PDB file of N, CA and C in Angstrom:
ATOM      1  N   MET A   1      28.063 189.381   1.103  1.00  0.00           N
ATOM      2  CA  MET A   1      28.664 188.147   1.565  1.00  0.00           C
ATOM      3  C   MET A   1      29.377 187.429   0.422  1.00  0.00           C
ATOM      4  N   ARG A   2      28.721 187.371  -0.743  1.00  0.00           N
ATOM      5  CA  ARG A   2      29.314 186.702  -1.896  1.00  0.00           C
ATOM      6  C   ARG A   2      30.617 187.391  -2.308  1.00  0.00           C
ATOM      7  N   LYS A   3      30.613 188.729  -2.266  1.00  0.00           N
ATOM      8  CA  LYS A   3      31.810 189.495  -2.642  1.00  0.00           C
ATOM      9  C   LYS A   3      32.948 189.214  -1.657  1.00  0.00           C
ATOM     10  N   LYS A   4      32.622 189.114  -0.374  1.00  0.00           N
ATOM     11  CA  LYS A   4      33.621 188.831   0.651  1.00  0.00           C
ATOM     12  C   LYS A   4      34.263 187.459   0.420  1.00  0.00           C
ATOM     13  N   ILE A   5      33.453 186.473   0.106  1.00  0.00           N
ATOM     14  CA  ILE A   5      33.969 185.124  -0.167  1.00  0.00           C
ATOM     15  C   ILE A   5      34.846 185.142  -1.412  1.00  0.00           C
ATOM     16  N   LYS A   6      34.402 185.856  -2.441  1.00  0.00           N
ATOM     17  CA  LYS A   6      35.184 185.956  -3.677  1.00  0.00           C
ATOM     18  C   LYS A   6      36.551 186.580  -3.396  1.00  0.00           C
ATOM     19  N   ASN A   7      36.604 187.616  -2.567  1.00  0.00           N
ATOM     20  CA  ASN A   7      37.875 188.253  -2.210  1.00  0.00           C
ATOM     21  C   ASN A   7      38.785 187.299  -1.450  1.00  0.00           C
ATOM     22  N   ILE A   8      38.206 186.502  -0.565  1.00  0.00           N
ATOM     23  CA  ILE A   8      39.011 185.528   0.189  1.00  0.00           C
ATOM     24  C   ILE A   8      39.646 184.527  -0.760  1.00  0.00           C
ATOM     25  N   PHE A   9      38.855 183.986  -1.709  1.00  0.00           N
ATOM     26  CA  PHE A   9      39.390 183.027  -2.671  1.00  0.00           C
ATOM     27  C   PHE A   9      40.449 183.657  -3.565  1.00  0.00           C
ATOM     28  N   GLN A  10      40.238 184.893  -3.959  1.00  0.00           N
ATOM     29  CA  GLN A  10      41.200 185.574  -4.817  1.00  0.00           C
ATOM     30  C   GLN A  10      42.532 185.745  -4.088  1.00  0.00           C
ATOM     31  N   GLN A  11      42.487 186.176  -2.837  1.00  0.00           N
ATOM     32  CA  GLN A  11      43.715 186.330  -2.048  1.00  0.00           C
ATOM     33  C   GLN A  11      44.390 184.983  -1.855  1.00  0.00           C
ATOM     34  N   PHE A  12      43.602 183.949  -1.587  1.00  0.00           N
ATOM     35  CA  PHE A  12      44.164 182.611  -1.395  1.00  0.00           C
ATOM     36  C   PHE A  12      44.855 182.137  -2.662  1.00  0.00           C
ATOM     37  N   ASN A  13      44.221 182.312  -3.817  1.00  0.00           N
ATOM     38  CA  ASN A  13      44.803 181.883  -5.083  1.00  0.00           C
ATOM     39  C   ASN A  13      46.080 182.635  -5.407  1.00  0.00           C
ATOM     40  N   GLU A  14      46.131 183.930  -5.093  1.00  0.00           N
ATOM     41  CA  GLU A  14      47.338 184.713  -5.363  1.00  0.00           C
ATOM     42  C   GLU A  14      48.505 184.222  -4.519  1.00  0.00           C
ATOM     43  N   LYS A  15      48.245 183.843  -3.276  1.00  0.00           N
ATOM     44  CA  LYS A  15      49.316 183.377  -2.392  1.00  0.00           C
ATOM     45  C   LYS A  15      49.783 181.975  -2.761  1.00  0.00           C
ATOM     46  N   ASN A  16      48.910 181.131  -3.273  1.00  0.00           N
ATOM     47  CA  ASN A  16      49.224 179.736  -3.551  1.00  0.00           C
ATOM     48  C   ASN A  16      49.292 179.427  -5.038  1.00  0.00           C
ATOM     49  N   MET A  17      49.540 180.447  -5.834  1.00  0.00           N
ATOM     50  CA  MET A  17      49.571 180.293  -7.280  1.00  0.00           C
ATOM     51  C   MET A  17      50.780 179.449  -7.696  1.00  0.00           C
ATOM     52  N   LEU A  18      50.578 178.602  -8.677  1.00  0.00           N
ATOM     53  CA  LEU A  18      51.679 177.838  -9.241  1.00  0.00           C
ATOM     54  C   LEU A  18      52.305 178.655 -10.360  1.00  0.00           C
ATOM     55  N   TYR A  19      53.596 178.664 -10.414  1.00  0.00           N
ATOM     56  CA  TYR A  19      54.310 179.434 -11.413  1.00  0.00           C
ATOM     57  C   TYR A  19      55.011 178.502 -12.384  1.00  0.00           C
ATOM     58  N   THR A  20      55.158 178.949 -13.614  1.00  0.00           N
ATOM     59  CA  THR A  20      55.975 178.209 -14.552  1.00  0.00           C
ATOM     60  C   THR A  20      57.417 178.652 -14.341  1.00  0.00           C
ATOM     61  N   VAL A  21      58.331 177.791 -14.675  1.00  0.00           N
ATOM     62  CA  VAL A  21      59.745 178.068 -14.454  1.00  0.00           C
ATOM     63  C   VAL A  21      60.399 178.351 -15.798  1.00  0.00           C
ATOM     64  N   SER A  22      61.033 179.526 -15.902  1.00  0.00           N
ATOM     65  CA  SER A  22      61.675 179.901 -17.170  1.00  0.00           C
ATOM     66  C   SER A  22      63.029 179.224 -17.315  1.00  0.00           C
ATOM     67  N   ARG A  23      63.472 179.136 -18.537  1.00  0.00           N
ATOM     68  CA  ARG A  23      64.800 178.560 -18.805  1.00  0.00           C
ATOM     69  C   ARG A  23      65.896 179.459 -18.233  1.00  0.00           C
ATOM     70  N   LYS A  24      65.659 180.757 -18.259  1.00  0.00           N
ATOM     71  CA  LYS A  24      66.644 181.694 -17.715  1.00  0.00           C
ATOM     72  C   LYS A  24      66.839 181.442 -16.221  1.00  0.00           C
ATOM     73  N   ARG A  25      65.737 181.212 -15.493  1.00  0.00           N
ATOM     74  CA  ARG A  25      65.828 180.915 -14.064  1.00  0.00           C
ATOM     75  C   ARG A  25      66.637 179.636 -13.838  1.00  0.00           C
ATOM     76  N   SER A  26      66.356 178.607 -14.635  1.00  0.00           N
ATOM     77  CA  SER A  26      67.101 177.356 -14.507  1.00  0.00           C
ATOM     78  C   SER A  26      68.587 177.573 -14.776  1.00  0.00           C
ATOM     79  N   LEU A  27      68.897 178.391 -15.762  1.00  0.00           N
ATOM     80  CA  LEU A  27      70.291 178.670 -16.088  1.00  0.00           C
ATOM     81  C   LEU A  27      70.983 179.418 -14.949  1.00  0.00           C
ATOM     82  N   ILE A  28      70.333 180.440 -14.387  1.00  0.00           N
ATOM     83  CA  ILE A  28      70.920 181.203 -13.282  1.00  0.00           C
ATOM     84  C   ILE A  28      71.116 180.302 -12.064  1.00  0.00           C
ATOM     85  N   LYS A  29      70.137 179.446 -11.780  1.00  0.00           N
ATOM     86  CA  LYS A  29      70.277 178.500 -10.665  1.00  0.00           C
ATOM     87  C   LYS A  29      71.459 177.566 -10.911  1.00  0.00           C
ATOM     88  N   SER A  30      71.617 177.129 -12.161  1.00  0.00           N
ATOM     89  CA  SER A  30      72.738 176.247 -12.507  1.00  0.00           C
ATOM     90  C   SER A  30      74.073 176.929 -12.238  1.00  0.00           C
ATOM     91  N   ILE A  31      74.186 178.178 -12.643  1.00  0.00           N
ATOM     92  CA  ILE A  31      75.446 178.914 -12.497  1.00  0.00           C
ATOM     93  C   ILE A  31      75.760 179.185 -11.027  1.00  0.00           C
ATOM     94  N   THR A  32      74.776 179.651 -10.267  1.00  0.00           N
ATOM     95  CA  THR A  32      75.046 179.952  -8.854  1.00  0.00           C
ATOM     96  C   THR A  32      75.375 178.681  -8.070  1.00  0.00           C
ATOM     97  N   TRP A  33      74.680 177.597  -8.395  1.00  0.00           N
ATOM     98  CA  TRP A  33      74.995 176.328  -7.732  1.00  0.00           C
ATOM     99  C   TRP A  33      76.403 175.874  -8.095  1.00  0.00           C
ATOM    100  N   ARG A  34      76.795 176.050  -9.340  1.00  0.00           N
ATOM    101  CA  ARG A  34      78.123 175.606  -9.781  1.00  0.00           C
ATOM    102  C   ARG A  34      79.211 176.380  -9.057  1.00  0.00           C
ATOM    103  N   VAL A  35      79.022 177.667  -8.844  1.00  0.00           N
ATOM    104  CA  VAL A  35      80.029 178.455  -8.127  1.00  0.00           C
ATOM    105  C   VAL A  35      80.227 177.879  -6.728  1.00  0.00           C
ATOM    106  N   LEU A  36      79.148 177.657  -6.033  1.00  0.00           N
ATOM    107  CA  LEU A  36      79.229 177.104  -4.685  1.00  0.00           C
ATOM    108  C   LEU A  36      79.825 175.700  -4.682  1.00  0.00           C
ATOM    109  N   ALA A  37      79.327 174.845  -5.554  1.00  0.00           N
ATOM    110  CA  ALA A  37      79.806 173.460  -5.600  1.00  0.00           C
ATOM    111  C   ALA A  37      81.255 173.375  -6.050  1.00  0.00           C
ATOM    112  N   SER A  38      81.660 174.242  -6.955  1.00  0.00           N
ATOM    113  CA  SER A  38      83.047 174.211  -7.443  1.00  0.00           C
ATOM    114  C   SER A  38      84.023 174.684  -6.378  1.00  0.00           C
ATOM    115  N   LEU A  39      83.620 175.657  -5.577  1.00  0.00           N
ATOM    116  CA  LEU A  39      84.467 176.057  -4.446  1.00  0.00           C
ATOM    117  C   LEU A  39      84.659 174.892  -3.484  1.00  0.00           C
ATOM    118  N   ASP A  40      83.594 174.167  -3.257  1.00  0.00           N
ATOM    119  CA  ASP A  40      83.660 172.979  -2.407  1.00  0.00           C
ATOM    120  C   ASP A  40      84.613 171.939  -3.007  1.00  0.00           C
ATOM    121  N   THR A  41      84.494 171.685  -4.294  1.00  0.00           N
ATOM    122  CA  THR A  41      85.370 170.723  -4.975  1.00  0.00           C
ATOM    123  C   THR A  41      86.826 171.176  -4.916  1.00  0.00           C
ATOM    124  N   PHE A  42      87.064 172.468  -5.131  1.00  0.00           N
ATOM    125  CA  PHE A  42      88.421 173.004  -5.080  1.00  0.00           C
ATOM    126  C   PHE A  42      89.055 172.777  -3.707  1.00  0.00           C
ATOM    127  N   VAL A  43      88.310 173.103  -2.665  1.00  0.00           N
ATOM    128  CA  VAL A  43      88.838 172.957  -1.293  1.00  0.00           C
ATOM    129  C   VAL A  43      89.120 171.487  -0.984  1.00  0.00           C
ATOM    130  N   ILE A  44      88.193 170.594  -1.335  1.00  0.00           N
ATOM    131  CA  ILE A  44      88.400 169.168  -1.061  1.00  0.00           C
ATOM    132  C   ILE A  44      89.589 168.637  -1.853  1.00  0.00           C
ATOM    133  N   ALA A  45      89.673 169.001  -3.150  1.00  0.00           N
ATOM    134  CA  ALA A  45      90.794 168.537  -3.980  1.00  0.00           C
ATOM    135  C   ALA A  45      92.116 169.073  -3.451  1.00  0.00           C
ATOM    136  N   TRP A  46      92.132 170.287  -2.962  1.00  0.00           N
ATOM    137  CA  TRP A  46      93.348 170.872  -2.395  1.00  0.00           C
ATOM    138  C   TRP A  46      93.754 170.120  -1.125  1.00  0.00           C
ATOM    139  N   LEU A  47      92.768 169.825  -0.286  1.00  0.00           N
ATOM    140  CA  LEU A  47      93.072 169.073   0.936  1.00  0.00           C
ATOM    141  C   LEU A  47      93.585 167.670   0.628  1.00  0.00           C
ATOM    142  N   VAL A  48      93.025 167.020  -0.379  1.00  0.00           N
ATOM    143  CA  VAL A  48      93.426 165.649  -0.723  1.00  0.00           C
ATOM    144  C   VAL A  48      94.788 165.627  -1.408  1.00  0.00           C
ATOM    145  N   THR A  49      95.003 166.518  -2.382  1.00  0.00           N
ATOM    146  CA  THR A  49      96.246 166.491  -3.161  1.00  0.00           C
ATOM    147  C   THR A  49      97.353 167.337  -2.540  1.00  0.00           C
ATOM    148  N   GLY A  50      96.974 168.365  -1.808  1.00  0.00           N
ATOM    149  CA  GLY A  50      97.966 169.283  -1.260  1.00  0.00           C
ATOM    150  C   GLY A  50      98.496 170.262  -2.293  1.00  0.00           C
ATOM    151  N   LYS A  51      97.938 170.239  -3.490  1.00  0.00           N
ATOM    152  CA  LYS A  51      98.424 171.098  -4.573  1.00  0.00           C
ATOM    153  C   LYS A  51      97.281 171.967  -5.103  1.00  0.00           C
ATOM    154  N   PRO A  52      97.374 173.273  -4.912  1.00  0.00           N
ATOM    155  CA  PRO A  52      96.306 174.149  -5.405  1.00  0.00           C
ATOM    156  C   PRO A  52      96.152 174.124  -6.930  1.00  0.00           C
ATOM    157  N   SER A  53      97.238 173.893  -7.656  1.00  0.00           N
ATOM    158  CA  SER A  53      97.134 173.854  -9.125  1.00  0.00           C
ATOM    159  C   SER A  53      96.309 172.644  -9.571  1.00  0.00           C
ATOM    160  N   TRP A  54      96.500 171.507  -8.938  1.00  0.00           N
ATOM    161  CA  TRP A  54      95.706 170.320  -9.265  1.00  0.00           C
ATOM    162  C   TRP A  54      94.242 170.555  -8.884  1.00  0.00           C
ATOM    163  N   ALA A  55      94.051 171.153  -7.729  1.00  0.00           N
ATOM    164  CA  ALA A  55      92.694 171.432  -7.264  1.00  0.00           C
ATOM    165  C   ALA A  55      91.976 172.351  -8.256  1.00  0.00           C
ATOM    166  N   GLY A  56      92.696 173.352  -8.774  1.00  0.00           N
ATOM    167  CA  GLY A  56      92.115 174.267  -9.760  1.00  0.00           C
ATOM    168  C   GLY A  56      91.753 173.557 -11.051  1.00  0.00           C
ATOM    169  N   THR A  57      92.608 172.661 -11.503  1.00  0.00           N
ATOM    170  CA  THR A  57      92.337 171.903 -12.725  1.00  0.00           C
ATOM    171  C   THR A  57      91.113 171.007 -12.551  1.00  0.00           C
ATOM    172  N   ILE A  58      91.050 170.322 -11.425  1.00  0.00           N
ATOM    173  CA  ILE A  58      89.895 169.460 -11.142  1.00  0.00           C
ATOM    174  C   ILE A  58      88.621 170.294 -11.103  1.00  0.00           C
ATOM    175  N   ALA A  59      88.669 171.424 -10.413  1.00  0.00           N
ATOM    176  CA  ALA A  59      87.487 172.285 -10.290  1.00  0.00           C
ATOM    177  C   ALA A  59      87.053 172.833 -11.648  1.00  0.00           C
ATOM    178  N   MET A  60      88.009 173.156 -12.536  1.00  0.00           N
ATOM    179  CA  MET A  60      87.667 173.676 -13.872  1.00  0.00           C
ATOM    180  C   MET A  60      86.910 172.639 -14.695  1.00  0.00           C
ATOM    181  N   PHE A  61      87.413 171.414 -14.712  1.00  0.00           N
ATOM    182  CA  PHE A  61      86.726 170.366 -15.471  1.00  0.00           C
ATOM    183  C   PHE A  61      85.351 170.079 -14.890  1.00  0.00           C
ATOM    184  N   GLU A  62      85.283 170.107 -13.586  1.00  0.00           N
ATOM    185  CA  GLU A  62      84.023 169.839 -12.920  1.00  0.00           C
ATOM    186  C   GLU A  62      82.981 170.906 -13.262  1.00  0.00           C
ATOM    187  N   VAL A  63      83.399 172.155 -13.346  1.00  0.00           N
ATOM    188  CA  VAL A  63      82.481 173.249 -13.701  1.00  0.00           C
ATOM    189  C   VAL A  63      81.885 173.012 -15.083  1.00  0.00           C
ATOM    190  N   LEU A  64      82.723 172.661 -16.031  1.00  0.00           N
ATOM    191  CA  LEU A  64      82.251 172.482 -17.404  1.00  0.00           C
ATOM    192  C   LEU A  64      81.235 171.345 -17.517  1.00  0.00           C
ATOM    193  N   THR A  65      81.552 170.215 -16.933  1.00  0.00           N
ATOM    194  CA  THR A  65      80.664 169.065 -17.094  1.00  0.00           C
ATOM    195  C   THR A  65      79.400 169.187 -16.259  1.00  0.00           C
ATOM    196  N   LYS A  66      79.524 169.580 -15.032  1.00  0.00           N
ATOM    197  CA  LYS A  66      78.378 169.545 -14.137  1.00  0.00           C
ATOM    198  C   LYS A  66      77.408 170.707 -14.329  1.00  0.00           C
ATOM    199  N   THR A  67      77.840 171.808 -14.916  1.00  0.00           N
ATOM    200  CA  THR A  67      76.899 172.891 -15.221  1.00  0.00           C
ATOM    201  C   THR A  67      75.882 172.403 -16.242  1.00  0.00           C
ATOM    202  N   PHE A  68      76.357 171.741 -17.281  1.00  0.00           N
ATOM    203  CA  PHE A  68      75.445 171.214 -18.294  1.00  0.00           C
ATOM    204  C   PHE A  68      74.564 170.110 -17.716  1.00  0.00           C
ATOM    205  N   LEU A  69      75.156 169.222 -16.943  1.00  0.00           N
ATOM    206  CA  LEU A  69      74.377 168.143 -16.342  1.00  0.00           C
ATOM    207  C   LEU A  69      73.272 168.694 -15.436  1.00  0.00           C
ATOM    208  N   TYR A  70      73.596 169.676 -14.614  1.00  0.00           N
ATOM    209  CA  TYR A  70      72.598 170.240 -13.712  1.00  0.00           C
ATOM    210  C   TYR A  70      71.493 170.937 -14.480  1.00  0.00           C
ATOM    211  N   TYR A  71      71.826 171.690 -15.499  1.00  0.00           N
ATOM    212  CA  TYR A  71      70.823 172.411 -16.283  1.00  0.00           C
ATOM    213  C   TYR A  71      69.810 171.438 -16.876  1.00  0.00           C
ATOM    214  N   PHE A  72      70.304 170.380 -17.520  1.00  0.00           N
ATOM    215  CA  PHE A  72      69.385 169.427 -18.138  1.00  0.00           C
ATOM    216  C   PHE A  72      68.623 168.622 -17.085  1.00  0.00           C
ATOM    217  N   HIS A  73      69.231 168.370 -15.965  1.00  0.00           N
ATOM    218  CA  HIS A  73      68.551 167.698 -14.859  1.00  0.00           C
ATOM    219  C   HIS A  73      67.406 168.574 -14.348  1.00  0.00           C
ATOM    220  N   GLU A  74      67.674 169.847 -14.157  1.00  0.00           N
ATOM    221  CA  GLU A  74      66.665 170.808 -13.689  1.00  0.00           C
ATOM    222  C   GLU A  74      65.513 170.918 -14.680  1.00  0.00           C
ATOM    223  N   ARG A  75      65.825 171.027 -15.961  1.00  0.00           N
ATOM    224  CA  ARG A  75      64.785 171.150 -16.978  1.00  0.00           C
ATOM    225  C   ARG A  75      63.974 169.862 -17.063  1.00  0.00           C
ATOM    226  N   GLY A  76      64.622 168.733 -16.934  1.00  0.00           N
ATOM    227  CA  GLY A  76      63.927 167.447 -16.978  1.00  0.00           C
ATOM    228  C   GLY A  76      62.915 167.310 -15.863  1.00  0.00           C
ATOM    229  N   TRP A  77      63.247 167.785 -14.684  1.00  0.00           N
ATOM    230  CA  TRP A  77      62.333 167.700 -13.545  1.00  0.00           C
ATOM    231  C   TRP A  77      61.071 168.530 -13.756  1.00  0.00           C
ATOM    232  N   ASN A  78      61.125 169.527 -14.623  1.00  0.00           N
ATOM    233  CA  ASN A  78      59.924 170.319 -14.911  1.00  0.00           C
ATOM    234  C   ASN A  78      58.860 169.501 -15.633  1.00  0.00           C
ATOM    235  N   TYR A  79      59.245 168.380 -16.247  1.00  0.00           N
ATOM    236  CA  TYR A  79      58.287 167.519 -16.938  1.00  0.00           C
ATOM    237  C   TYR A  79      57.709 166.436 -16.034  1.00  0.00           C
ATOM    238  N   ILE A  80      58.238 166.302 -14.842  1.00  0.00           N
ATOM    239  CA  ILE A  80      57.753 165.294 -13.902  1.00  0.00           C
ATOM    240  C   ILE A  80      56.679 165.921 -13.031  1.00  0.00           C
ATOM    241  N   LEU A  81      55.512 165.319 -13.013  1.00  0.00           N
ATOM    242  CA  LEU A  81      54.379 165.891 -12.293  1.00  0.00           C
ATOM    243  C   LEU A  81      54.414 165.570 -10.801  1.00  0.00           C
ATOM    244  N   TRP A  82      55.174 164.593 -10.400  1.00  0.00           N
ATOM    245  CA  TRP A  82      55.226 164.190  -8.996  1.00  0.00           C
ATOM    246  C   TRP A  82      55.615 165.385  -8.119  1.00  0.00           C
ATOM    247  N   GLY A  83      54.836 165.624  -7.075  1.00  0.00           N
ATOM    248  CA  GLY A  83      55.134 166.704  -6.138  1.00  0.00           C
ATOM    249  C   GLY A  83      54.584 168.061  -6.551  1.00  0.00           C
ATOM    250  N   LYS A  84      53.935 168.137  -7.697  1.00  0.00           N
ATOM    251  CA  LYS A  84      53.339 169.402  -8.150  1.00  0.00           C
ATOM    252  C   LYS A  84      51.857 169.373  -7.835  1.00  0.00           C
ATOM    253  N   ARG A  85      51.270 170.552  -7.667  1.00  0.00           N
ATOM    254  CA  ARG A  85      49.829 170.670  -7.424  1.00  0.00           C
ATOM    255  C   ARG A  85      49.193 171.488  -8.523  1.00  0.00           C
ATOM    256  N   LYS A  86      47.969 171.164  -8.799  1.00  0.00           N
ATOM    257  CA  LYS A  86      47.203 171.984  -9.728  1.00  0.00           C
ATOM    258  C   LYS A  86      46.651 173.163  -8.952  1.00  0.00           C
ATOM    259  N   SER A  87      46.135 174.147  -9.640  1.00  0.00           N
ATOM    260  CA  SER A  87      45.599 175.329  -8.974  1.00  0.00           C
ATOM    261  C   SER A  87      44.514 174.972  -7.970  1.00  0.00           C
ATOM    262  N   GLY A  88      43.726 173.953  -8.246  1.00  0.00           N
ATOM    263  CA  GLY A  88      42.688 173.512  -7.320  1.00  0.00           C
ATOM    264  C   GLY A  88      43.282 172.579  -6.281  1.00  0.00           C
ATOM    265  N   SER A  89      44.227 173.055  -5.517  1.00  0.00           N
ATOM    266  CA  SER A  89      44.945 172.220  -4.565  1.00  0.00           C
ATOM    267  C   SER A  89      44.076 171.857  -3.378  1.00  0.00           C
ATOM    268  N   LYS A  90      44.589 170.967  -2.539  1.00  0.00           N
ATOM    269  CA  LYS A  90      43.886 170.557  -1.326  1.00  0.00           C
ATOM    270  C   LYS A  90      43.661 171.750  -0.404  1.00  0.00           C
ATOM    271  N   LYS A  91      44.602 172.662  -0.359  1.00  0.00           N
ATOM    272  CA  LYS A  91      44.456 173.844   0.496  1.00  0.00           C
ATOM    273  C   LYS A  91      43.214 174.648   0.087  1.00  0.00           C
ATOM    274  N   LEU A  92      43.039 174.826  -1.215  1.00  0.00           N
ATOM    275  CA  LEU A  92      41.888 175.585  -1.702  1.00  0.00           C
ATOM    276  C   LEU A  92      40.593 174.845  -1.386  1.00  0.00           C
ATOM    277  N   LYS A  93      40.578 173.539  -1.605  1.00  0.00           N
ATOM    278  CA  LYS A  93      39.386 172.748  -1.314  1.00  0.00           C
ATOM    279  C   LYS A  93      39.047 172.812   0.171  1.00  0.00           C
ATOM    280  N   ASN A  94      40.068 172.711   1.022  1.00  0.00           N
ATOM    281  CA  ASN A  94      39.834 172.785   2.468  1.00  0.00           C
ATOM    282  C   ASN A  94      39.315 174.163   2.878  1.00  0.00           C
ATOM    283  N   LEU A  95      39.834 175.209   2.251  1.00  0.00           N
ATOM    284  CA  LEU A  95      39.364 176.558   2.550  1.00  0.00           C
ATOM    285  C   LEU A  95      37.896 176.708   2.152  1.00  0.00           C
ATOM    286  N   LYS A  96      37.528 176.184   0.990  1.00  0.00           N
ATOM    287  CA  LYS A  96      36.137 176.238   0.550  1.00  0.00           C
ATOM    288  C   LYS A  96      35.233 175.513   1.555  1.00  0.00           C
ATOM    289  N   LYS A  97      35.640 174.312   1.969  1.00  0.00           N
ATOM    290  CA  LYS A  97      34.851 173.552   2.934  1.00  0.00           C
ATOM    291  C   LYS A  97      34.681 174.337   4.230  1.00  0.00           C
ATOM    292  N   TYR A  98      35.770 174.931   4.695  1.00  0.00           N
ATOM    293  CA  TYR A  98      35.731 175.684   5.952  1.00  0.00           C
ATOM    294  C   TYR A  98      34.763 176.857   5.865  1.00  0.00           C
ATOM    295  N   ILE A  99      34.860 177.621   4.785  1.00  0.00           N
ATOM    296  CA  ILE A  99      34.016 178.808   4.634  1.00  0.00           C
ATOM    297  C   ILE A  99      32.535 178.425   4.486  1.00  0.00           C
ATOM    298  N   PHE A 100      32.265 177.445   3.602  1.00  0.00           N
ATOM    299  CA  PHE A 100      30.868 177.098   3.358  1.00  0.00           C
ATOM    300  C   PHE A 100      30.240 176.369   4.532  1.00  0.00           C
ATOM    301  N   ASN A 101      31.008 175.521   5.200  1.00  0.00           N
ATOM    302  CA  ASN A 101      30.453 174.839   6.384  1.00  0.00           C
ATOM    303  C   ASN A 101      30.225 175.814   7.522  1.00  0.00           C
ATOM    304  N   LYS A 102      31.084 176.808   7.624  1.00  0.00           N
ATOM    305  CA  LYS A 102      30.939 177.824   8.668  1.00  0.00           C
ATOM    306  C   LYS A 102      29.658 178.628   8.423  1.00  0.00           C
ATOM    307  N   ASN A 103      29.383 178.951   7.148  1.00  0.00           N
ATOM    308  CA  ASN A 103      28.174 179.720   6.816  1.00  0.00           C
ATOM    309  C   ASN A 103      26.908 178.900   7.069  1.00  0.00           C
ATOM    310  N   LYS A 104      26.957 177.588   6.869  1.00  0.00           N
ATOM    311  CA  LYS A 104      25.792 176.731   7.089  1.00  0.00           C
ATOM    312  C   LYS A 104      25.449 176.635   8.572  1.00  0.00           C
ATOM    313  N   ARG A 105      26.450 176.698   9.424  1.00  0.00           N
ATOM    314  CA  ARG A 105      26.249 176.571  10.867  1.00  0.00           C
ATOM    315  C   ARG A 105      25.540 177.780  11.452  1.00  0.00           C
ATOM    316  N   LYS A 106      25.672 178.922  10.817  1.00  0.00           N
ATOM    317  CA  LYS A 106      25.085 180.164  11.371  1.00  0.00           C
ATOM    318  C   LYS A 106      23.603 180.230  11.196  1.00  0.00           C
TER     319      LYS A 106
END
Protein backbone atom coordinates (compact mmCIF):
# COMPACT_ATOMS: atom_id res chain seq x y z
CA MET A 1 0.00 0.00 0.00
CA ARG A 2 2.80 2.41 0.91
CA LYS A 3 4.56 1.70 -2.40
CA LYS A 4 1.32 2.34 -4.32
CA ILE A 5 0.86 5.72 -2.61
CA LYS A 6 4.50 6.62 -3.28
CA ASN A 7 4.01 5.83 -7.00
CA ILE A 8 0.89 8.00 -7.14
CA PHE A 9 2.76 10.96 -5.61
CA GLN A 10 5.72 10.45 -7.92
CA GLN A 11 3.48 10.46 -11.01
CA PHE A 12 1.64 13.52 -9.70
CA ASN A 13 4.89 15.41 -9.08
CA GLU A 14 6.23 14.57 -12.55
CA LYS A 15 3.07 15.92 -14.21
CA ASN A 16 2.94 19.10 -12.09
CA MET A 17 6.65 19.81 -11.84
CA LEU A 18 7.76 23.43 -11.99
CA TYR A 19 10.47 24.12 -14.52
CA THR A 20 13.08 26.81 -14.64
CA VAL A 21 13.12 28.92 -17.77
CA SER A 22 16.38 29.19 -19.71
CA ARG A 23 17.61 32.37 -21.33
CA LYS A 24 17.72 30.56 -24.66
CA ARG A 25 13.99 29.79 -24.38
CA SER A 26 13.27 33.45 -23.61
CA LEU A 27 15.35 34.51 -26.60
CA ILE A 28 13.59 32.08 -28.99
CA LYS A 29 10.19 33.23 -27.69
CA SER A 30 11.28 36.84 -28.25
CA ILE A 31 12.29 36.14 -31.85
CA THR A 32 9.19 34.14 -32.81
CA TRP A 33 6.92 36.73 -31.23
CA ARG A 34 8.75 39.52 -33.07
CA VAL A 35 8.24 37.83 -36.44
CA LEU A 36 4.51 37.58 -35.85
CA ALA A 37 4.17 41.06 -34.34
CA SER A 38 6.31 42.67 -37.04
CA LEU A 39 4.17 41.17 -39.80
CA ASP A 40 1.18 42.68 -38.05
CA THR A 41 2.92 46.07 -37.82
CA PHE A 42 3.93 45.90 -41.50
CA VAL A 43 0.37 45.18 -42.65
CA ILE A 44 -1.14 47.92 -40.46
CA ALA A 45 1.50 50.48 -41.54
CA TRP A 46 0.91 49.55 -45.18
CA LEU A 47 -2.84 49.98 -44.79
CA VAL A 48 -2.41 53.35 -43.05
CA THR A 49 0.29 54.83 -45.31
CA GLY A 50 -0.48 53.01 -48.54
CA LYS A 51 3.27 52.66 -49.10
CA PRO A 52 4.98 49.29 -48.64
CA SER A 53 8.42 50.94 -48.38
CA TRP A 54 7.30 53.05 -45.41
CA ALA A 55 5.65 50.02 -43.85
CA GLY A 56 8.92 48.09 -44.21
CA THR A 57 10.93 50.88 -42.59
CA ILE A 58 8.50 51.12 -39.68
CA ALA A 59 8.54 47.34 -39.22
CA MET A 60 12.39 47.25 -39.28
CA PHE A 61 12.73 49.82 -36.51
CA GLU A 62 10.03 48.13 -34.53
CA VAL A 63 11.84 44.77 -34.73
CA LEU A 64 15.06 46.23 -33.36
CA THR A 65 13.54 48.05 -30.41
CA LYS A 66 10.82 45.66 -29.36
CA THR A 67 12.89 42.47 -29.52
CA PHE A 68 15.15 43.84 -26.80
CA LEU A 69 12.23 45.22 -24.81
CA TYR A 70 10.38 41.90 -24.92
CA TYR A 71 13.45 39.88 -23.93
CA PHE A 72 14.12 41.99 -20.85
CA HIS A 73 10.42 42.07 -20.01
CA GLU A 74 10.28 38.26 -20.20
CA ARG A 75 13.40 37.83 -18.07
CA GLY A 76 12.11 40.35 -15.52
CA TRP A 77 8.89 38.40 -15.05
CA ASN A 78 10.95 35.36 -14.01
CA TYR A 79 11.84 37.26 -10.81
CA ILE A 80 8.21 37.97 -9.93
CA LEU A 81 6.74 35.26 -7.73
CA TRP A 82 3.11 36.22 -8.32
CA GLY A 83 1.26 33.41 -10.10
CA LYS A 84 3.98 30.81 -9.48
CA ARG A 85 3.56 27.72 -7.30
CA LYS A 86 6.04 25.86 -5.23
CA SER A 87 6.39 22.11 -5.69
CA GLY A 88 4.08 21.58 -2.70
CA SER A 89 1.16 23.11 -4.56
CA LYS A 90 -2.49 23.04 -3.56
CA LYS A 91 -3.07 20.22 -6.05
CA LEU A 92 -0.54 18.02 -4.26
CA LYS A 93 -1.97 18.86 -0.84
CA ASN A 94 -5.50 18.09 -2.06
CA LEU A 95 -4.33 14.78 -3.54
CA LYS A 96 -2.70 13.83 -0.22
CA LYS A 97 -5.91 14.68 1.66
CA TYR A 98 -7.99 12.65 -0.78
CA ILE A 99 -5.78 9.57 -0.59
CA PHE A 100 -5.30 9.59 3.18
CA ASN A 101 -8.93 10.39 3.99
CA LYS A 102 -10.05 7.66 1.61
CA ASN A 103 -7.80 5.14 3.42
CA LYS A 104 -9.17 6.19 6.83
CA ARG A 105 -12.75 5.58 5.71
CA LYS A 106 -12.07 1.94 4.81
